[in-house]
Amino acid sequence: MASVNRRSVMTLFTSPDRPECHRTRIVLAEKELTADIIEITSNNVPEDFRDLSPNGDLPTLADRDLVLTNARVIMEYLDERFPHPPLMPIDPVSRAKVRTALYRIEKDWFGLLPDFERGERTVAKARKQLKESILSLSPVFAAMPFFMSEEFSLADVTVATILWRLPVYNIDLSGPKSKPIQDYMKRIFNRPTFQLSLTEIEREMRPDWI
């Protein structure tokens, strides 16, 4: 593999199944950006990745001399460097609302994900908390076509990666309260860019959807 400083395009080092990595791949797809996407697994750790990210942080984006290792930072960097189509609202008030939504989803949803790798009781508690948190936002999903917005944004990118993985977390959303969420998932999951962002492992999470 060529060293990163000889690459002609951006390089995104990513896991094939982590939601944090999925977020960055959705942004690349939405903006139709050319990037060298390298999937990192236990059997595939390129030497240049070790040089760029000694701690093995994923995702990692290398763009010329710039190296970024945080999903939110990577997403906002790509959105600002390649502004079309925009994935954040233009006006400050709406941008602040999206950033607040991002913070809450990262804290309340992503913050629970480590618990799904622990003991059975911890997993059961995390599953209950995540399901209740998602269902509590049903009015938000019903209010607008996208998450708190008339346009697709980084909030949708973040929400979608968790909703896609609900079968993995053994979370079933059913009943009338979940209908706005089900409708939202159909809109997002059927986007060509979302489908393009999926790895083979992620496709296997919802085989009936593909």
N, C-alpha and C. Protein backbone atom coordinates (compact mmCIF):
# COMPACT_ATOMS: atom_id res chain seq x y z
N MET A 1 0.84 -1.20 0.00
CA MET A 1 0.00 0.00 0.00
C MET A 1 0.87 1.25 0.00
N ALA A 2 0.49 2.21 -0.81
CA ALA A 2 1.28 3.44 -0.88
C ALA A 2 1.15 4.22 0.41
N SER A 3 2.16 4.99 0.73
CA SER A 3 2.09 5.81 1.93
C SER A 3 1.06 6.90 1.73
N VAL A 4 0.51 7.39 2.83
CA VAL A 4 -0.57 8.35 2.74
C VAL A 4 -0.13 9.63 2.05
N ASN A 5 1.11 10.07 2.29
CA ASN A 5 1.51 11.34 1.71
C ASN A 5 1.69 11.26 0.19
N ARG A 6 1.54 10.08 -0.40
CA ARG A 6 1.60 9.93 -1.84
C ARG A 6 0.22 9.69 -2.44
N ARG A 7 -0.80 9.65 -1.61
CA ARG A 7 -2.15 9.41 -2.11
C ARG A 7 -2.65 10.67 -2.83
N SER A 8 -3.41 10.46 -3.89
CA SER A 8 -3.92 11.59 -4.67
C SER A 8 -5.29 12.05 -4.20
N VAL A 9 -5.95 11.25 -3.35
CA VAL A 9 -7.27 11.61 -2.85
C VAL A 9 -7.28 11.44 -1.34
N MET A 10 -8.36 11.90 -0.73
CA MET A 10 -8.52 11.70 0.70
C MET A 10 -8.60 10.22 1.01
N THR A 11 -8.15 9.87 2.20
CA THR A 11 -8.22 8.48 2.64
C THR A 11 -9.00 8.42 3.94
N LEU A 12 -10.01 7.57 3.96
CA LEU A 12 -10.79 7.36 5.17
C LEU A 12 -10.55 5.94 5.65
N PHE A 13 -9.95 5.83 6.84
CA PHE A 13 -9.77 4.53 7.47
C PHE A 13 -11.00 4.29 8.34
N THR A 14 -11.65 3.16 8.14
CA THR A 14 -12.96 2.97 8.75
C THR A 14 -13.17 1.51 9.14
N SER A 15 -14.00 1.31 10.13
CA SER A 15 -14.44 -0.03 10.49
C SER A 15 -15.65 -0.39 9.64
N PRO A 16 -15.80 -1.65 9.24
CA PRO A 16 -16.95 -2.02 8.42
C PRO A 16 -18.26 -2.13 9.17
N ASP A 17 -18.24 -1.99 10.52
CA ASP A 17 -19.50 -2.18 11.25
C ASP A 17 -19.77 -1.14 12.34
N ARG A 18 -18.84 -0.28 12.66
CA ARG A 18 -19.07 0.68 13.75
C ARG A 18 -19.93 1.86 13.27
N PRO A 19 -20.94 2.25 14.04
CA PRO A 19 -21.78 3.38 13.63
C PRO A 19 -21.02 4.69 13.49
N GLU A 20 -20.02 4.91 14.32
CA GLU A 20 -19.23 6.14 14.20
C GLU A 20 -18.58 6.23 12.82
N CYS A 21 -18.08 5.11 12.33
CA CYS A 21 -17.45 5.09 11.01
C CYS A 21 -18.51 5.23 9.91
N HIS A 22 -19.64 4.60 10.13
CA HIS A 22 -20.72 4.69 9.15
C HIS A 22 -21.14 6.13 8.91
N ARG A 23 -21.14 6.93 9.96
CA ARG A 23 -21.52 8.33 9.84
C ARG A 23 -20.66 9.04 8.79
N THR A 24 -19.37 8.81 8.84
CA THR A 24 -18.48 9.51 7.91
C THR A 24 -18.65 9.01 6.48
N ARG A 25 -18.96 7.72 6.33
CA ARG A 25 -19.17 7.19 4.98
C ARG A 25 -20.45 7.75 4.36
N ILE A 26 -21.47 7.99 5.19
CA ILE A 26 -22.70 8.61 4.66
C ILE A 26 -22.40 10.01 4.14
N VAL A 27 -21.61 10.77 4.87
CA VAL A 27 -21.27 12.13 4.44
C VAL A 27 -20.53 12.09 3.10
N LEU A 28 -19.58 11.19 2.97
CA LEU A 28 -18.87 11.05 1.69
C LEU A 28 -19.84 10.76 0.56
N ALA A 29 -20.79 9.87 0.80
CA ALA A 29 -21.76 9.50 -0.23
C ALA A 29 -22.68 10.66 -0.57
N GLU A 30 -23.15 11.38 0.46
CA GLU A 30 -24.05 12.51 0.23
C GLU A 30 -23.40 13.58 -0.63
N LYS A 31 -22.12 13.78 -0.43
CA LYS A 31 -21.41 14.83 -1.15
C LYS A 31 -20.72 14.31 -2.42
N GLU A 32 -20.89 13.02 -2.70
CA GLU A 32 -20.31 12.40 -3.89
C GLU A 32 -18.81 12.68 -3.97
N LEU A 33 -18.14 12.48 -2.84
CA LEU A 33 -16.70 12.75 -2.77
C LEU A 33 -15.90 11.51 -3.13
N THR A 34 -14.81 11.74 -3.82
CA THR A 34 -13.88 10.66 -4.13
C THR A 34 -12.93 10.50 -2.96
N ALA A 35 -12.91 9.31 -2.41
CA ALA A 35 -12.02 9.03 -1.29
C ALA A 35 -11.60 7.57 -1.33
N ASP A 36 -10.42 7.32 -0.86
CA ASP A 36 -9.92 5.95 -0.74
C ASP A 36 -10.39 5.43 0.62
N ILE A 37 -11.38 4.54 0.62
CA ILE A 37 -11.93 4.03 1.86
C ILE A 37 -11.25 2.71 2.19
N ILE A 38 -10.56 2.68 3.31
CA ILE A 38 -9.81 1.51 3.74
C ILE A 38 -10.49 0.92 4.97
N GLU A 39 -10.99 -0.30 4.86
CA GLU A 39 -11.61 -0.96 5.99
C GLU A 39 -10.55 -1.61 6.87
N ILE A 40 -10.57 -1.23 8.15
CA ILE A 40 -9.61 -1.76 9.11
C ILE A 40 -10.26 -2.89 9.89
N THR A 41 -9.62 -4.05 9.87
CA THR A 41 -10.06 -5.18 10.68
C THR A 41 -8.84 -5.73 11.41
N SER A 42 -9.06 -6.71 12.26
CA SER A 42 -7.93 -7.28 13.01
C SER A 42 -6.91 -7.92 12.07
N ASN A 43 -7.38 -8.32 10.88
CA ASN A 43 -6.48 -8.95 9.92
C ASN A 43 -5.97 -7.98 8.86
N ASN A 44 -6.39 -6.74 8.95
CA ASN A 44 -5.98 -5.75 7.96
C ASN A 44 -5.72 -4.42 8.63
N VAL A 45 -4.49 -4.19 9.05
CA VAL A 45 -4.09 -2.93 9.67
C VAL A 45 -2.87 -2.40 8.90
N PRO A 46 -3.10 -1.55 7.89
CA PRO A 46 -1.99 -1.04 7.08
C PRO A 46 -0.98 -0.27 7.92
N GLU A 47 0.25 -0.33 7.51
CA GLU A 47 1.32 0.34 8.26
C GLU A 47 1.11 1.84 8.32
N ASP A 48 0.62 2.43 7.23
CA ASP A 48 0.44 3.88 7.25
C ASP A 48 -0.68 4.29 8.19
N PHE A 49 -1.64 3.41 8.45
CA PHE A 49 -2.66 3.72 9.44
C PHE A 49 -2.05 3.78 10.84
N ARG A 50 -1.17 2.86 11.15
CA ARG A 50 -0.51 2.88 12.46
C ARG A 50 0.28 4.17 12.64
N ASP A 51 0.89 4.65 11.56
CA ASP A 51 1.66 5.90 11.64
C ASP A 51 0.74 7.10 11.88
N LEU A 52 -0.42 7.09 11.23
CA LEU A 52 -1.34 8.22 11.34
C LEU A 52 -2.09 8.22 12.67
N SER A 53 -2.45 7.04 13.13
CA SER A 53 -3.28 6.91 14.34
C SER A 53 -2.68 5.86 15.25
N PRO A 54 -1.65 6.23 16.02
CA PRO A 54 -0.98 5.25 16.89
C PRO A 54 -1.93 4.54 17.86
N ASN A 55 -3.02 5.22 18.24
CA ASN A 55 -3.98 4.61 19.16
C ASN A 55 -5.03 3.76 18.45
N GLY A 56 -4.95 3.72 17.13
CA GLY A 56 -5.91 2.92 16.37
C GLY A 56 -7.31 3.50 16.34
N ASP A 57 -7.42 4.83 16.43
CA ASP A 57 -8.74 5.46 16.44
C ASP A 57 -9.43 5.32 15.09
N LEU A 58 -10.71 4.96 15.13
CA LEU A 58 -11.53 4.87 13.93
C LEU A 58 -12.82 5.64 14.16
N PRO A 59 -13.24 6.42 13.16
CA PRO A 59 -12.61 6.60 11.86
C PRO A 59 -11.42 7.54 11.93
N THR A 60 -10.57 7.48 10.92
CA THR A 60 -9.46 8.42 10.74
C THR A 60 -9.49 8.91 9.30
N LEU A 61 -9.44 10.21 9.13
CA LEU A 61 -9.41 10.81 7.79
C LEU A 61 -8.05 11.45 7.56
N ALA A 62 -7.43 11.11 6.45
CA ALA A 62 -6.18 11.73 6.04
C ALA A 62 -6.44 12.51 4.77
N ASP A 63 -6.24 13.81 4.83
CA ASP A 63 -6.42 14.68 3.67
C ASP A 63 -5.18 15.54 3.53
N ARG A 64 -4.30 15.13 2.64
CA ARG A 64 -2.98 15.75 2.48
C ARG A 64 -2.24 15.70 3.81
N ASP A 65 -1.89 16.83 4.39
CA ASP A 65 -1.14 16.81 5.65
C ASP A 65 -2.05 16.82 6.88
N LEU A 66 -3.34 16.83 6.66
CA LEU A 66 -4.30 16.89 7.77
C LEU A 66 -4.75 15.49 8.15
N VAL A 67 -4.76 15.20 9.46
CA VAL A 67 -5.25 13.92 9.96
C VAL A 67 -6.29 14.20 11.05
N LEU A 68 -7.49 13.65 10.88
CA LEU A 68 -8.58 13.84 11.84
C LEU A 68 -9.03 12.48 12.33
N THR A 69 -9.33 12.38 13.64
CA THR A 69 -9.65 11.07 14.22
C THR A 69 -10.94 11.07 15.04
N ASN A 70 -11.82 12.00 14.80
CA ASN A 70 -13.10 12.07 15.52
C ASN A 70 -14.22 12.17 14.50
N ALA A 71 -15.26 11.34 14.62
CA ALA A 71 -16.32 11.29 13.61
C ALA A 71 -17.00 12.64 13.42
N ARG A 72 -17.35 13.29 14.52
CA ARG A 72 -18.03 14.59 14.39
C ARG A 72 -17.13 15.61 13.71
N VAL A 73 -15.86 15.64 14.10
CA VAL A 73 -14.92 16.58 13.50
C VAL A 73 -14.77 16.29 12.01
N ILE A 74 -14.67 15.02 11.66
CA ILE A 74 -14.53 14.64 10.26
C ILE A 74 -15.76 15.07 9.46
N MET A 75 -16.95 14.82 10.00
CA MET A 75 -18.18 15.18 9.29
C MET A 75 -18.27 16.69 9.07
N GLU A 76 -17.98 17.47 10.10
CA GLU A 76 -18.09 18.91 9.97
C GLU A 76 -16.99 19.47 9.06
N TYR A 77 -15.81 18.86 9.10
CA TYR A 77 -14.74 19.27 8.19
C TYR A 77 -15.15 19.06 6.74
N LEU A 78 -15.69 17.87 6.44
CA LEU A 78 -16.10 17.57 5.07
C LEU A 78 -17.23 18.50 4.63
N ASP A 79 -18.15 18.81 5.55
CA ASP A 79 -19.26 19.67 5.21
C ASP A 79 -18.80 21.10 4.94
N GLU A 80 -17.81 21.55 5.66
CA GLU A 80 -17.31 22.91 5.46
C GLU A 80 -16.38 23.02 4.26
N ARG A 81 -15.58 21.98 4.05
CA ARG A 81 -14.65 22.03 2.92
C ARG A 81 -15.37 21.83 1.59
N PHE A 82 -16.40 20.98 1.61
CA PHE A 82 -17.17 20.71 0.40
C PHE A 82 -18.63 21.09 0.70
N PRO A 83 -18.97 22.37 0.53
CA PRO A 83 -20.24 22.88 1.04
C PRO A 83 -21.50 22.48 0.27
N HIS A 84 -21.36 21.79 -0.82
CA HIS A 84 -22.55 21.43 -1.61
C HIS A 84 -22.63 19.92 -1.77
N PRO A 85 -23.78 19.32 -1.45
CA PRO A 85 -24.93 19.95 -0.78
C PRO A 85 -24.63 20.15 0.70
N PRO A 86 -25.14 21.22 1.29
CA PRO A 86 -24.88 21.48 2.69
C PRO A 86 -25.58 20.46 3.59
N LEU A 87 -24.90 20.05 4.64
CA LEU A 87 -25.48 19.13 5.61
C LEU A 87 -25.70 19.78 6.96
N MET A 88 -25.57 21.09 6.98
CA MET A 88 -25.92 21.89 8.15
C MET A 88 -26.70 23.10 7.66
N PRO A 89 -27.71 23.55 8.44
CA PRO A 89 -28.48 24.73 8.03
C PRO A 89 -27.58 25.95 7.90
N ILE A 90 -28.03 26.89 7.10
CA ILE A 90 -27.24 28.10 6.87
C ILE A 90 -27.38 29.09 8.03
N ASP A 91 -28.61 29.25 8.55
CA ASP A 91 -28.80 30.28 9.59
C ASP A 91 -28.33 29.77 10.95
N PRO A 92 -27.79 30.66 11.78
CA PRO A 92 -27.20 30.28 13.06
C PRO A 92 -28.16 29.58 14.01
N VAL A 93 -29.42 30.00 14.06
CA VAL A 93 -30.37 29.40 14.99
C VAL A 93 -30.61 27.93 14.62
N SER A 94 -30.84 27.68 13.35
CA SER A 94 -31.08 26.30 12.91
C SER A 94 -29.83 25.43 13.09
N ARG A 95 -28.67 26.02 12.84
CA ARG A 95 -27.42 25.28 13.04
C ARG A 95 -27.26 24.90 14.51
N ALA A 96 -27.60 25.84 15.39
CA ALA A 96 -27.50 25.56 16.82
C ALA A 96 -28.44 24.44 17.22
N LYS A 97 -29.63 24.39 16.62
CA LYS A 97 -30.59 23.32 16.93
C LYS A 97 -30.06 21.97 16.48
N VAL A 98 -29.45 21.92 15.30
CA VAL A 98 -28.88 20.67 14.81
C VAL A 98 -27.72 20.23 15.70
N ARG A 99 -26.88 21.16 16.09
CA ARG A 99 -25.74 20.82 16.96
C ARG A 99 -26.24 20.31 18.32
N THR A 100 -27.32 20.91 18.82
CA THR A 100 -27.88 20.44 20.08
C THR A 100 -28.42 19.02 19.93
N ALA A 101 -29.10 18.77 18.80
CA ALA A 101 -29.61 17.42 18.54
C ALA A 101 -28.47 16.42 18.43
N LEU A 102 -27.40 16.81 17.75
CA LEU A 102 -26.23 15.94 17.63
C LEU A 102 -25.66 15.60 19.01
N TYR A 103 -25.56 16.60 19.84
CA TYR A 103 -25.01 16.38 21.18
C TYR A 103 -25.88 15.40 21.97
N ARG A 104 -27.20 15.57 21.90
CA ARG A 104 -28.09 14.71 22.66
C ARG A 104 -28.06 13.27 22.14
N ILE A 105 -28.05 13.10 20.83
CA ILE A 105 -28.03 11.75 20.26
C ILE A 105 -26.71 11.06 20.59
N GLU A 106 -25.61 11.79 20.48
CA GLU A 106 -24.31 11.20 20.80
C GLU A 106 -24.26 10.80 22.28
N LYS A 107 -24.81 11.64 23.13
CA LYS A 107 -24.76 11.36 24.56
C LYS A 107 -25.74 10.25 24.95
N ASP A 108 -26.99 10.37 24.49
CA ASP A 108 -28.04 9.46 24.95
C ASP A 108 -28.05 8.13 24.21
N TRP A 109 -27.69 8.13 22.93
CA TRP A 109 -27.73 6.90 22.14
C TRP A 109 -26.35 6.27 22.01
N PHE A 110 -25.43 7.02 21.45
CA PHE A 110 -24.08 6.47 21.27
C PHE A 110 -23.43 6.16 22.61
N GLY A 111 -23.79 6.93 23.64
CA GLY A 111 -23.23 6.69 24.96
C GLY A 111 -23.61 5.34 25.55
N LEU A 112 -24.70 4.75 25.05
CA LEU A 112 -25.15 3.45 25.53
C LEU A 112 -24.47 2.28 24.82
N LEU A 113 -23.88 2.52 23.66
CA LEU A 113 -23.37 1.43 22.84
C LEU A 113 -22.32 0.55 23.53
N PRO A 114 -21.39 1.11 24.31
CA PRO A 114 -20.44 0.23 25.00
C PRO A 114 -21.11 -0.79 25.92
N ASP A 115 -22.31 -0.45 26.44
CA ASP A 115 -23.00 -1.37 27.34
C ASP A 115 -23.49 -2.63 26.62
N PHE A 116 -23.66 -2.55 25.30
CA PHE A 116 -24.11 -3.72 24.54
C PHE A 116 -23.01 -4.77 24.39
N GLU A 117 -21.82 -4.45 24.85
CA GLU A 117 -20.71 -5.40 24.79
C GLU A 117 -20.37 -5.95 26.17
N ARG A 118 -21.26 -5.72 27.15
CA ARG A 118 -21.00 -6.16 28.52
C ARG A 118 -21.93 -7.30 28.91
N GLY A 119 -22.15 -7.47 30.20
CA GLY A 119 -22.95 -8.59 30.69
C GLY A 119 -24.42 -8.49 30.33
N GLU A 120 -25.13 -9.59 30.50
CA GLU A 120 -26.52 -9.68 30.06
C GLU A 120 -27.41 -8.63 30.72
N ARG A 121 -27.24 -8.41 32.00
CA ARG A 121 -28.09 -7.44 32.71
C ARG A 121 -27.81 -6.02 32.21
N THR A 122 -26.54 -5.73 31.95
CA THR A 122 -26.18 -4.41 31.44
C THR A 122 -26.75 -4.21 30.04
N VAL A 123 -26.66 -5.26 29.22
CA VAL A 123 -27.21 -5.19 27.86
C VAL A 123 -28.71 -4.96 27.90
N ALA A 124 -29.41 -5.68 28.77
CA ALA A 124 -30.87 -5.54 28.87
C ALA A 124 -31.26 -4.12 29.28
N LYS A 125 -30.52 -3.56 30.21
CA LYS A 125 -30.80 -2.19 30.66
C LYS A 125 -30.55 -1.19 29.54
N ALA A 126 -29.44 -1.36 28.82
CA ALA A 126 -29.11 -0.45 27.71
C ALA A 126 -30.16 -0.56 26.61
N ARG A 127 -30.60 -1.78 26.32
CA ARG A 127 -31.61 -2.00 25.29
C ARG A 127 -32.91 -1.26 25.65
N LYS A 128 -33.32 -1.37 26.90
CA LYS A 128 -34.54 -0.72 27.36
C LYS A 128 -34.40 0.80 27.27
N GLN A 129 -33.26 1.33 27.71
CA GLN A 129 -33.04 2.77 27.68
C GLN A 129 -33.03 3.30 26.25
N LEU A 130 -32.35 2.60 25.36
CA LEU A 130 -32.27 3.07 23.98
C LEU A 130 -33.63 3.04 23.31
N LYS A 131 -34.37 1.96 23.51
CA LYS A 131 -35.70 1.86 22.90
C LYS A 131 -36.62 2.96 23.41
N GLU A 132 -36.63 3.18 24.71
CA GLU A 132 -37.49 4.22 25.28
C GLU A 132 -37.09 5.61 24.79
N SER A 133 -35.79 5.84 24.65
CA SER A 133 -35.32 7.14 24.18
C SER A 133 -35.76 7.38 22.74
N ILE A 134 -35.64 6.35 21.90
CA ILE A 134 -36.06 6.49 20.50
C ILE A 134 -37.56 6.74 20.41
N LEU A 135 -38.35 5.95 21.13
CA LEU A 135 -39.81 6.10 21.08
C LEU A 135 -40.26 7.45 21.63
N SER A 136 -39.53 7.99 22.59
CA SER A 136 -39.91 9.30 23.16
C SER A 136 -39.80 10.42 22.13
N LEU A 137 -39.02 10.17 21.07
CA LEU A 137 -38.83 11.19 20.03
C LEU A 137 -39.79 11.01 18.86
N SER A 138 -40.76 10.13 19.00
CA SER A 138 -41.71 9.90 17.91
C SER A 138 -42.36 11.20 17.41
N PRO A 139 -42.77 12.13 18.29
CA PRO A 139 -43.34 13.40 17.80
C PRO A 139 -42.34 14.20 16.98
N VAL A 140 -41.06 14.11 17.31
CA VAL A 140 -40.03 14.82 16.53
C VAL A 140 -39.93 14.23 15.13
N PHE A 141 -39.95 12.90 15.04
CA PHE A 141 -39.89 12.25 13.74
C PHE A 141 -41.12 12.57 12.90
N ALA A 142 -42.26 12.80 13.56
CA ALA A 142 -43.51 13.07 12.85
C ALA A 142 -43.61 14.51 12.37
N ALA A 143 -42.88 15.40 12.99
CA ALA A 143 -43.07 16.83 12.75
C ALA A 143 -42.54 17.30 11.40
N MET A 144 -41.43 16.71 10.96
CA MET A 144 -40.78 17.17 9.73
C MET A 144 -40.28 15.98 8.93
N PRO A 145 -39.97 16.18 7.64
CA PRO A 145 -39.47 15.06 6.83
C PRO A 145 -38.16 14.48 7.35
N PHE A 146 -37.33 15.36 7.90
CA PHE A 146 -36.06 14.93 8.44
C PHE A 146 -35.98 15.29 9.92
N PHE A 147 -34.89 14.92 10.56
CA PHE A 147 -34.81 15.07 12.01
C PHE A 147 -34.67 16.55 12.39
N MET A 148 -35.78 17.13 12.86
CA MET A 148 -35.84 18.53 13.28
C MET A 148 -35.50 19.49 12.14
N SER A 149 -35.77 19.08 10.91
CA SER A 149 -35.39 19.90 9.78
C SER A 149 -36.19 19.52 8.53
N GLU A 150 -36.31 20.49 7.62
CA GLU A 150 -36.92 20.22 6.32
C GLU A 150 -35.91 19.63 5.35
N GLU A 151 -34.64 19.67 5.71
CA GLU A 151 -33.57 19.17 4.84
C GLU A 151 -32.74 18.13 5.57
N PHE A 152 -32.18 17.20 4.80
CA PHE A 152 -31.28 16.18 5.34
C PHE A 152 -30.04 16.85 5.92
N SER A 153 -29.65 16.45 7.15
CA SER A 153 -28.53 17.10 7.82
C SER A 153 -27.66 16.08 8.54
N LEU A 154 -26.62 16.58 9.20
CA LEU A 154 -25.74 15.70 9.97
C LEU A 154 -26.50 15.02 11.11
N ALA A 155 -27.59 15.62 11.55
CA ALA A 155 -28.41 14.96 12.58
C ALA A 155 -29.00 13.66 12.02
N ASP A 156 -29.47 13.71 10.78
CA ASP A 156 -30.01 12.50 10.16
C ASP A 156 -28.92 11.46 9.96
N VAL A 157 -27.74 11.91 9.56
CA VAL A 157 -26.61 11.00 9.41
C VAL A 157 -26.39 10.23 10.71
N THR A 158 -26.42 10.94 11.81
CA THR A 158 -26.13 10.36 13.12
C THR A 158 -27.25 9.44 13.59
N VAL A 159 -28.49 9.90 13.46
CA VAL A 159 -29.64 9.11 13.88
C VAL A 159 -29.74 7.82 13.06
N ALA A 160 -29.54 7.93 11.76
CA ALA A 160 -29.75 6.80 10.85
C ALA A 160 -28.84 5.63 11.16
N THR A 161 -27.60 5.91 11.57
CA THR A 161 -26.66 4.81 11.81
C THR A 161 -27.10 3.95 13.01
N ILE A 162 -27.77 4.56 13.98
CA ILE A 162 -28.28 3.79 15.12
C ILE A 162 -29.55 3.04 14.73
N LEU A 163 -30.46 3.72 14.04
CA LEU A 163 -31.71 3.08 13.65
C LEU A 163 -31.45 1.88 12.73
N TRP A 164 -30.46 1.97 11.88
CA TRP A 164 -30.14 0.84 11.00
C TRP A 164 -29.71 -0.38 11.80
N ARG A 165 -29.11 -0.16 12.96
CA ARG A 165 -28.56 -1.25 13.76
C ARG A 165 -29.51 -1.79 14.83
N LEU A 166 -30.75 -1.36 14.84
CA LEU A 166 -31.67 -1.82 15.87
C LEU A 166 -31.80 -3.34 15.91
N PRO A 167 -31.82 -4.05 14.77
CA PRO A 167 -31.86 -5.52 14.86
C PRO A 167 -30.63 -6.10 15.56
N VAL A 168 -29.48 -5.46 15.38
CA VAL A 168 -28.26 -5.93 16.04
C VAL A 168 -28.40 -5.79 17.55
N TYR A 169 -29.06 -4.72 17.99
CA TYR A 169 -29.26 -4.49 19.42
C TYR A 169 -30.49 -5.22 19.94
N ASN A 170 -31.14 -5.97 19.08
CA ASN A 170 -32.34 -6.74 19.45
C ASN A 170 -33.45 -5.82 19.95
N ILE A 171 -33.62 -4.70 19.23
CA ILE A 171 -34.67 -3.74 19.56
C ILE A 171 -35.72 -3.77 18.47
N ASP A 172 -36.95 -4.05 18.86
CA ASP A 172 -38.07 -4.10 17.92
C ASP A 172 -38.98 -2.92 18.17
N LEU A 173 -39.17 -2.11 17.15
CA LEU A 173 -40.09 -0.98 17.26
C LEU A 173 -41.40 -1.37 16.59
N SER A 174 -42.44 -1.48 17.37
CA SER A 174 -43.75 -1.83 16.84
C SER A 174 -44.82 -1.04 17.58
N GLY A 175 -46.02 -1.06 17.02
CA GLY A 175 -47.10 -0.31 17.64
C GLY A 175 -47.29 1.04 17.00
N PRO A 176 -48.45 1.66 17.22
CA PRO A 176 -48.77 2.94 16.57
C PRO A 176 -47.81 4.06 16.92
N LYS A 177 -47.23 4.03 18.11
CA LYS A 177 -46.32 5.10 18.51
C LYS A 177 -45.06 5.11 17.65
N SER A 178 -44.71 3.97 17.10
CA SER A 178 -43.47 3.87 16.33
C SER A 178 -43.67 4.21 14.85
N LYS A 179 -44.91 4.41 14.40
CA LYS A 179 -45.14 4.62 12.97
C LYS A 179 -44.35 5.80 12.40
N PRO A 180 -44.31 6.96 13.05
CA PRO A 180 -43.50 8.05 12.49
C PRO A 180 -42.03 7.68 12.36
N ILE A 181 -41.53 6.85 13.27
CA ILE A 181 -40.13 6.42 13.21
C ILE A 181 -39.94 5.45 12.06
N GLN A 182 -40.89 4.54 11.88
CA GLN A 182 -40.83 3.60 10.76
C GLN A 182 -40.87 4.35 9.43
N ASP A 183 -41.73 5.34 9.33
CA ASP A 183 -41.82 6.13 8.10
C ASP A 183 -40.52 6.88 7.84
N TYR A 184 -39.96 7.41 8.91
CA TYR A 184 -38.68 8.13 8.78
C TYR A 184 -37.59 7.18 8.29
N MET A 185 -37.53 5.98 8.86
CA MET A 185 -36.51 5.03 8.46
C MET A 185 -36.64 4.68 6.98
N LYS A 186 -37.87 4.53 6.49
CA LYS A 186 -38.06 4.24 5.08
C LYS A 186 -37.50 5.36 4.22
N ARG A 187 -37.77 6.61 4.61
CA ARG A 187 -37.27 7.74 3.82
C ARG A 187 -35.75 7.75 3.79
N ILE A 188 -35.13 7.52 4.94
CA ILE A 188 -33.67 7.61 5.02
C ILE A 188 -33.00 6.40 4.39
N PHE A 189 -33.45 5.21 4.74
CA PHE A 189 -32.80 4.00 4.27
C PHE A 189 -32.93 3.81 2.76
N ASN A 190 -33.98 4.40 2.16
CA ASN A 190 -34.16 4.29 0.72
C ASN A 190 -33.39 5.33 -0.08
N ARG A 191 -32.71 6.23 0.61
CA ARG A 191 -31.88 7.19 -0.11
C ARG A 191 -30.74 6.45 -0.80
N PRO A 192 -30.51 6.69 -2.08
CA PRO A 192 -29.40 6.02 -2.78
C PRO A 192 -28.06 6.24 -2.10
N THR A 193 -27.87 7.42 -1.53
CA THR A 193 -26.60 7.70 -0.86
C THR A 193 -26.43 6.87 0.40
N PHE A 194 -27.54 6.62 1.11
CA PHE A 194 -27.44 5.78 2.30
C PHE A 194 -27.09 4.35 1.89
N GLN A 195 -27.76 3.85 0.88
CA GLN A 195 -27.45 2.50 0.40
C GLN A 195 -26.00 2.40 -0.06
N LEU A 196 -25.51 3.45 -0.69
CA LEU A 196 -24.12 3.45 -1.17
C LEU A 196 -23.13 3.42 -0.02
N SER A 197 -23.52 3.95 1.12
CA SER A 197 -22.60 4.05 2.26
C SER A 197 -22.40 2.72 2.99
N LEU A 198 -23.27 1.76 2.75
CA LEU A 198 -23.25 0.52 3.52
C LEU A 198 -22.12 -0.42 3.10
N THR A 199 -21.50 -1.03 4.10
CA THR A 199 -20.54 -2.10 3.83
C THR A 199 -21.31 -3.42 3.73
N GLU A 200 -20.62 -4.46 3.33
CA GLU A 200 -21.28 -5.77 3.25
C GLU A 200 -21.77 -6.23 4.62
N ILE A 201 -20.98 -5.98 5.65
CA ILE A 201 -21.38 -6.36 7.00
C ILE A 201 -22.64 -5.59 7.42
N GLU A 202 -22.70 -4.32 7.09
CA GLU A 202 -23.87 -3.52 7.44
C GLU A 202 -25.10 -3.96 6.66
N ARG A 203 -24.93 -4.35 5.43
CA ARG A 203 -26.07 -4.85 4.65
C ARG A 203 -26.66 -6.10 5.29
N GLU A 204 -25.80 -6.91 5.86
CA GLU A 204 -26.28 -8.14 6.49
C GLU A 204 -27.07 -7.87 7.77
N MET A 205 -26.96 -6.66 8.32
CA MET A 205 -27.72 -6.33 9.52
C MET A 205 -29.21 -6.26 9.23
N ARG A 206 -29.55 -5.88 7.99
CA ARG A 206 -30.97 -5.77 7.58
C ARG A 206 -31.12 -6.40 6.19
N PRO A 207 -30.98 -7.71 6.09
CA PRO A 207 -31.04 -8.35 4.76
C PRO A 207 -32.37 -8.16 4.04
N ASP A 208 -33.45 -7.96 4.80
CA ASP A 208 -34.76 -7.81 4.17
C ASP A 208 -34.92 -6.44 3.52
N TRP A 209 -34.05 -5.50 3.89
CA TRP A 209 -34.18 -4.14 3.38
C TRP A 209 -33.46 -3.96 2.04
N ILE A 210 -32.47 -4.77 1.78
CA ILE A 210 -31.64 -4.59 0.58
C ILE A 210 -32.34 -5.17 -0.65
